[in-house]
N, C-alpha and C. Protein backbone atom coordinates (compact mmCIF):
# COMPACT_ATOMS: atom_id res chain seq x y z
N MET A 1 15.71 -7.04 3.59
CA MET A 1 14.63 -6.76 2.66
C MET A 1 13.49 -6.08 3.41
N SER A 2 12.87 -5.14 2.76
CA SER A 2 11.74 -4.42 3.34
C SER A 2 10.55 -5.36 3.51
N PRO A 3 9.77 -5.19 4.58
CA PRO A 3 8.59 -6.03 4.75
C PRO A 3 7.50 -5.72 3.73
N VAL A 4 7.60 -4.58 3.04
CA VAL A 4 6.63 -4.18 2.02
C VAL A 4 7.36 -4.06 0.69
N GLU A 5 6.94 -4.88 -0.27
CA GLU A 5 7.56 -4.87 -1.59
C GLU A 5 6.61 -4.20 -2.58
N VAL A 6 7.07 -3.18 -3.27
CA VAL A 6 6.25 -2.53 -4.29
C VAL A 6 6.35 -3.36 -5.56
N ILE A 7 5.20 -3.71 -6.12
CA ILE A 7 5.23 -4.54 -7.32
C ILE A 7 4.58 -3.86 -8.52
N GLY A 8 4.37 -2.56 -8.41
CA GLY A 8 3.89 -1.81 -9.57
C GLY A 8 2.75 -0.88 -9.26
N ARG A 9 2.33 -0.18 -10.29
CA ARG A 9 1.24 0.79 -10.18
C ARG A 9 0.06 0.29 -10.97
N ASP A 10 -1.12 0.42 -10.41
CA ASP A 10 -2.35 0.09 -11.10
C ASP A 10 -2.98 1.40 -11.53
N VAL A 11 -2.86 1.72 -12.81
CA VAL A 11 -3.31 3.00 -13.35
C VAL A 11 -4.82 3.17 -13.13
N ALA A 12 -5.59 2.13 -13.41
CA ALA A 12 -7.05 2.22 -13.30
C ALA A 12 -7.50 2.51 -11.87
N ARG A 13 -6.80 1.98 -10.90
CA ARG A 13 -7.16 2.19 -9.49
C ARG A 13 -6.52 3.44 -8.90
N GLY A 14 -5.52 3.98 -9.57
CA GLY A 14 -4.80 5.10 -8.99
C GLY A 14 -4.12 4.69 -7.71
N ALA A 15 -3.49 3.52 -7.75
CA ALA A 15 -2.88 2.95 -6.54
C ALA A 15 -1.61 2.17 -6.89
N TYR A 16 -0.79 1.99 -5.88
CA TYR A 16 0.40 1.16 -6.02
C TYR A 16 0.11 -0.20 -5.42
N ARG A 17 0.54 -1.23 -6.13
CA ARG A 17 0.37 -2.61 -5.69
C ARG A 17 1.58 -2.96 -4.82
N VAL A 18 1.31 -3.47 -3.63
CA VAL A 18 2.38 -3.88 -2.73
C VAL A 18 2.14 -5.31 -2.28
N ARG A 19 3.21 -5.94 -1.85
CA ARG A 19 3.11 -7.31 -1.34
C ARG A 19 3.77 -7.35 0.03
N VAL A 20 3.10 -8.03 0.95
CA VAL A 20 3.59 -8.19 2.32
C VAL A 20 3.57 -9.67 2.64
N ASP A 21 4.66 -10.16 3.23
CA ASP A 21 4.71 -11.56 3.67
C ASP A 21 4.15 -11.61 5.08
N THR A 22 3.06 -12.32 5.25
CA THR A 22 2.44 -12.46 6.55
C THR A 22 2.28 -13.94 6.89
N GLY A 23 3.07 -14.39 7.79
CA GLY A 23 3.01 -15.79 8.20
C GLY A 23 3.32 -16.76 7.08
N GLY A 24 4.29 -16.43 6.24
CA GLY A 24 4.67 -17.32 5.15
C GLY A 24 3.77 -17.22 3.93
N ARG A 25 2.81 -16.32 3.97
CA ARG A 25 1.88 -16.13 2.85
C ARG A 25 2.06 -14.73 2.30
N ALA A 26 2.20 -14.62 1.00
CA ALA A 26 2.33 -13.31 0.36
C ALA A 26 0.94 -12.73 0.14
N VAL A 27 0.70 -11.53 0.67
CA VAL A 27 -0.59 -10.86 0.53
C VAL A 27 -0.36 -9.60 -0.29
N THR A 28 -1.17 -9.42 -1.33
CA THR A 28 -1.07 -8.26 -2.20
C THR A 28 -2.18 -7.27 -1.87
N ALA A 29 -1.81 -5.99 -1.86
CA ALA A 29 -2.78 -4.95 -1.54
C ALA A 29 -2.53 -3.72 -2.41
N PHE A 30 -3.52 -2.83 -2.42
CA PHE A 30 -3.41 -1.58 -3.16
C PHE A 30 -3.31 -0.42 -2.19
N VAL A 31 -2.30 0.42 -2.41
CA VAL A 31 -2.10 1.64 -1.61
C VAL A 31 -2.51 2.81 -2.51
N PRO A 32 -3.64 3.45 -2.21
CA PRO A 32 -4.11 4.52 -3.09
C PRO A 32 -3.19 5.74 -3.06
N GLU A 33 -3.06 6.35 -4.23
CA GLU A 33 -2.21 7.53 -4.35
C GLU A 33 -2.73 8.69 -3.51
N CYS A 34 -4.03 8.71 -3.17
CA CYS A 34 -4.57 9.80 -2.36
C CYS A 34 -3.91 9.86 -0.98
N LEU A 35 -3.35 8.75 -0.52
CA LEU A 35 -2.62 8.77 0.76
C LEU A 35 -1.34 9.58 0.64
N MET A 36 -0.87 9.75 -0.59
CA MET A 36 0.38 10.47 -0.85
C MET A 36 0.11 11.92 -1.27
N GLU A 37 -1.08 12.40 -1.04
CA GLU A 37 -1.53 13.72 -1.48
C GLU A 37 -0.58 14.84 -1.07
N SER A 38 0.04 14.71 0.07
CA SER A 38 0.93 15.79 0.57
C SER A 38 2.18 15.96 -0.31
N LEU A 39 2.50 14.96 -1.13
CA LEU A 39 3.69 15.06 -1.98
C LEU A 39 3.51 16.09 -3.09
N ARG A 40 2.34 16.07 -3.71
CA ARG A 40 2.02 16.98 -4.82
C ARG A 40 0.53 17.27 -4.75
N PRO A 41 0.11 18.20 -3.94
CA PRO A 41 -1.33 18.47 -3.80
C PRO A 41 -2.00 18.67 -5.16
N GLY A 42 -3.08 17.90 -5.36
CA GLY A 42 -3.84 18.00 -6.60
C GLY A 42 -3.24 17.26 -7.78
N GLN A 43 -2.11 16.60 -7.59
CA GLN A 43 -1.44 15.87 -8.68
C GLN A 43 -1.03 14.49 -8.22
N ARG A 44 -0.74 13.66 -9.20
CA ARG A 44 -0.21 12.33 -8.93
C ARG A 44 1.26 12.43 -8.54
N PRO A 45 1.72 11.63 -7.57
CA PRO A 45 3.15 11.64 -7.26
C PRO A 45 3.93 10.94 -8.37
N SER A 46 5.20 11.30 -8.51
CA SER A 46 6.05 10.58 -9.46
C SER A 46 6.31 9.18 -8.88
N HIS A 47 6.77 8.27 -9.74
CA HIS A 47 7.08 6.92 -9.25
C HIS A 47 8.11 6.98 -8.13
N GLN A 48 9.14 7.79 -8.32
CA GLN A 48 10.18 7.91 -7.30
C GLN A 48 9.60 8.40 -5.98
N GLU A 49 8.76 9.43 -6.04
CA GLU A 49 8.14 9.96 -4.82
C GLU A 49 7.26 8.91 -4.15
N ALA A 50 6.50 8.18 -4.95
CA ALA A 50 5.61 7.15 -4.41
C ALA A 50 6.41 6.04 -3.74
N TYR A 51 7.47 5.58 -4.38
CA TYR A 51 8.30 4.52 -3.80
C TYR A 51 8.94 4.99 -2.49
N GLU A 52 9.39 6.24 -2.47
CA GLU A 52 9.99 6.78 -1.25
C GLU A 52 8.94 6.93 -0.15
N TRP A 53 7.73 7.35 -0.51
CA TRP A 53 6.65 7.51 0.47
C TRP A 53 6.29 6.15 1.05
N ILE A 54 6.17 5.14 0.19
CA ILE A 54 5.84 3.78 0.65
C ILE A 54 6.94 3.27 1.59
N ALA A 55 8.20 3.51 1.22
CA ALA A 55 9.31 3.07 2.08
C ALA A 55 9.26 3.77 3.44
N ALA A 56 8.96 5.05 3.44
CA ALA A 56 8.91 5.81 4.69
C ALA A 56 7.73 5.39 5.57
N HIS A 57 6.68 4.84 4.97
CA HIS A 57 5.48 4.45 5.72
C HIS A 57 5.28 2.93 5.74
N ARG A 58 6.34 2.19 5.45
CA ARG A 58 6.19 0.75 5.31
C ARG A 58 5.70 0.05 6.57
N GLY A 59 6.05 0.54 7.74
CA GLY A 59 5.59 -0.08 8.97
C GLY A 59 4.07 -0.01 9.10
N LYS A 60 3.52 1.17 8.87
CA LYS A 60 2.06 1.35 8.94
C LYS A 60 1.36 0.57 7.84
N LEU A 61 1.95 0.56 6.65
CA LEU A 61 1.35 -0.18 5.54
C LEU A 61 1.37 -1.68 5.80
N GLU A 62 2.47 -2.16 6.35
CA GLU A 62 2.56 -3.59 6.67
C GLU A 62 1.48 -3.97 7.69
N LYS A 63 1.32 -3.16 8.73
CA LYS A 63 0.29 -3.42 9.74
C LYS A 63 -1.10 -3.41 9.12
N ALA A 64 -1.33 -2.48 8.20
CA ALA A 64 -2.64 -2.39 7.55
C ALA A 64 -2.93 -3.64 6.72
N VAL A 65 -1.96 -4.09 5.96
CA VAL A 65 -2.17 -5.28 5.12
C VAL A 65 -2.37 -6.52 5.99
N ILE A 66 -1.61 -6.63 7.06
CA ILE A 66 -1.77 -7.78 7.97
C ILE A 66 -3.14 -7.74 8.61
N ALA A 67 -3.61 -6.57 9.01
CA ALA A 67 -4.94 -6.44 9.60
C ALA A 67 -6.01 -6.86 8.59
N LEU A 68 -5.90 -6.37 7.36
CA LEU A 68 -6.87 -6.73 6.33
C LEU A 68 -6.86 -8.23 6.05
N ALA A 69 -5.68 -8.82 6.02
CA ALA A 69 -5.57 -10.27 5.78
C ALA A 69 -6.22 -11.06 6.91
N GLY A 70 -6.26 -10.46 8.10
CA GLY A 70 -6.89 -11.10 9.25
C GLY A 70 -8.33 -10.65 9.46
N ALA A 71 -8.93 -10.04 8.42
CA ALA A 71 -10.32 -9.57 8.45
C ALA A 71 -10.56 -8.51 9.52
N ARG A 72 -9.53 -7.70 9.80
CA ARG A 72 -9.67 -6.57 10.73
C ARG A 72 -9.53 -5.28 9.95
N LYS A 73 -10.04 -4.20 10.52
CA LYS A 73 -9.97 -2.90 9.86
C LYS A 73 -8.71 -2.17 10.32
N PRO A 74 -7.89 -1.69 9.37
CA PRO A 74 -6.69 -0.93 9.74
C PRO A 74 -7.06 0.45 10.29
N ARG A 75 -6.10 1.06 10.97
CA ARG A 75 -6.30 2.39 11.52
C ARG A 75 -6.20 3.42 10.39
N PRO A 76 -6.99 4.50 10.49
CA PRO A 76 -6.89 5.58 9.50
C PRO A 76 -5.51 6.20 9.51
N PRO A 77 -5.00 6.67 8.45
CA PRO A 77 -5.60 6.72 7.12
C PRO A 77 -5.38 5.44 6.32
N CYS A 78 -4.71 4.48 6.90
CA CYS A 78 -4.40 3.24 6.16
C CYS A 78 -5.64 2.37 5.96
N ASP A 79 -6.78 2.81 6.46
CA ASP A 79 -8.02 2.07 6.21
C ASP A 79 -8.45 2.19 4.75
N LEU A 80 -7.75 3.04 3.99
CA LEU A 80 -8.01 3.17 2.56
C LEU A 80 -7.29 2.10 1.73
N VAL A 81 -6.33 1.41 2.36
CA VAL A 81 -5.63 0.32 1.69
C VAL A 81 -6.61 -0.83 1.51
N THR A 82 -6.57 -1.50 0.36
CA THR A 82 -7.48 -2.62 0.10
C THR A 82 -6.68 -3.83 -0.37
N LEU A 83 -7.19 -5.00 -0.09
CA LEU A 83 -6.55 -6.22 -0.55
C LEU A 83 -6.88 -6.46 -2.02
N ALA A 84 -5.93 -7.01 -2.73
CA ALA A 84 -6.16 -7.43 -4.11
C ALA A 84 -6.91 -8.75 -4.07
N GLU A 85 -7.81 -8.92 -5.00
CA GLU A 85 -8.53 -10.19 -5.05
C GLU A 85 -7.58 -11.26 -5.52
N GLU A 86 -7.63 -12.37 -4.84
CA GLU A 86 -6.76 -13.49 -5.22
C GLU A 86 -7.45 -14.32 -6.29
N SER A 87 -6.64 -14.77 -7.24
CA SER A 87 -7.23 -15.60 -8.31
C SER A 87 -6.74 -17.02 -8.22
């Protein structure tokens, strides 16, 4: 199983919701579509393109989410990833 699980798109945020297991705890974060700009300059990526982009960059995204969960700042450009508020 991939360390980064895509759990949907948040239309209002223009981002994909992902979940990463970090130390037995599931952490949810938002990956903004602007990180995928190279797929379709000036346009939104298709779901298929976004899922493939996330899979291709899952290592960097996983590190970014783990850093955020540990109150550290991820390296650019993944510093645009944000944690979802827990309820």
